[in-house]
């Protein structure tokens, strides 16, 4: 009986020692390995982002094995499709009750940074600075410290239909050289607007230039082209009266004078506008490259067919701006400031910036985007994508905008004036004055110039 009790006690002690040490396994050398289970959370589409992290972990595990580190990384996944505000509020609440995921997506890095919920990534970013496209961390930086990782580099550009240029008499050599002329600064934004009018006048297309039918950041890119400023180096909202006047005059003239833009465009809806762009009824459009899949679908084209007819180019320089550019709007993922495994999480991000950049290329190619990691932009997966295979150079011209307090209100008020201007219901000067009143009433700490 005593022998039985002794054996039972020894068994219990053995069990306690196993469970007290956490989840463990044994490697081939007989050493005990700890299984570290990270919780990863994602929202909306593009699950290729968290899957890149998960697949990078397999490679880190292999490296740990070679280095003799007794750690195996595993994951608990939580992929959702809910409103972004609700998702981010859930992330905040999860931190309050000490139940936050280790790695998660976000829609507003600035809000989470100010709440102190994100791990500081600055040292990792500095150690790998040569791996990243310049300035990709702008929206995730506060007081010179970086707090989130951009897994992609979606860019907003101008696209136009090459076939339309052929219709109005351009030679193949002229068509082929236009992107480089824009890149060099030889072909200006003023030249491009004149080309849009020439296309309409010669019957190449019904409209020369179209845009999104709702409020958005696309319009801010044209404001930039015309030398307008809407934020400063501190990330403060700027109300640039002269820049806005130029932008509003161009908007009014496009719809009412040169008539390259339909005056009722904002009443048409996405399907109609996408169809116009895809069929060549509209010669040019400005917006994100990734939207081209919707354009192609609306026009009943494959991505290959659409890419064969369309050119994606920089926003040209104008007499008010010094050089061509594109604007990048990366998605971001972060590491919880409360994670128990900061070094392991940082190892995963480091892996993505280095040996596993192909996993980011897989994601970027899937969504018709460039990548924030330089090596990914020359990956064969990118070269196999007909939409982005020839535009990797755009990453060198990318501007990444910081988080700007009040920008949502600014975009909304800007769009109200765009609608009225295109319908001929207001003037550029009145539009500026009316918008200024609303910004003064609804946004604090605006820089007026």
Foldseek 3Di string as FASTA:
>chain_A
DVVVVVVVVVVVVVVCVCPVVADWDADPVGDIAHEAEFEEEEEDDLCLVVVLLQVLQVVVQVVCVVVVNRYHYHYDYHYYYDDQVVVVVVQVVCVVVVNHTFKYFHDQLVVCVVVVWFDWCQVLCVVLVVFFQPPPQQQQDDPRIGGWDFLFWWWKFKKFFLVLVVVLPDDPVRSVCVQVCLQVLVQALVNLVVVLLSSCVSVSAVAAEDEALAFDCQLVVVLVLQQHDQADPNQEGAQELVSLLVSLQVLLCCQPPSNRYPLQRNVQDDLVVLLCRQVVNYGMYITILLCVCVSCVSVVHHQLVSLVGMDTHWNGHHPNGDGTAIETDTTIMGGTPSDPCVPSSSVSSSSCSPVSVCSSLQSCLVRVGGGRGLVSNPDVSQCPRSSRNPPSVNSNRYDYRYNYFPVVVLSNLSVVSSSCSSNVNDHSNVSSVVSVVSCVVPGPPYHYD
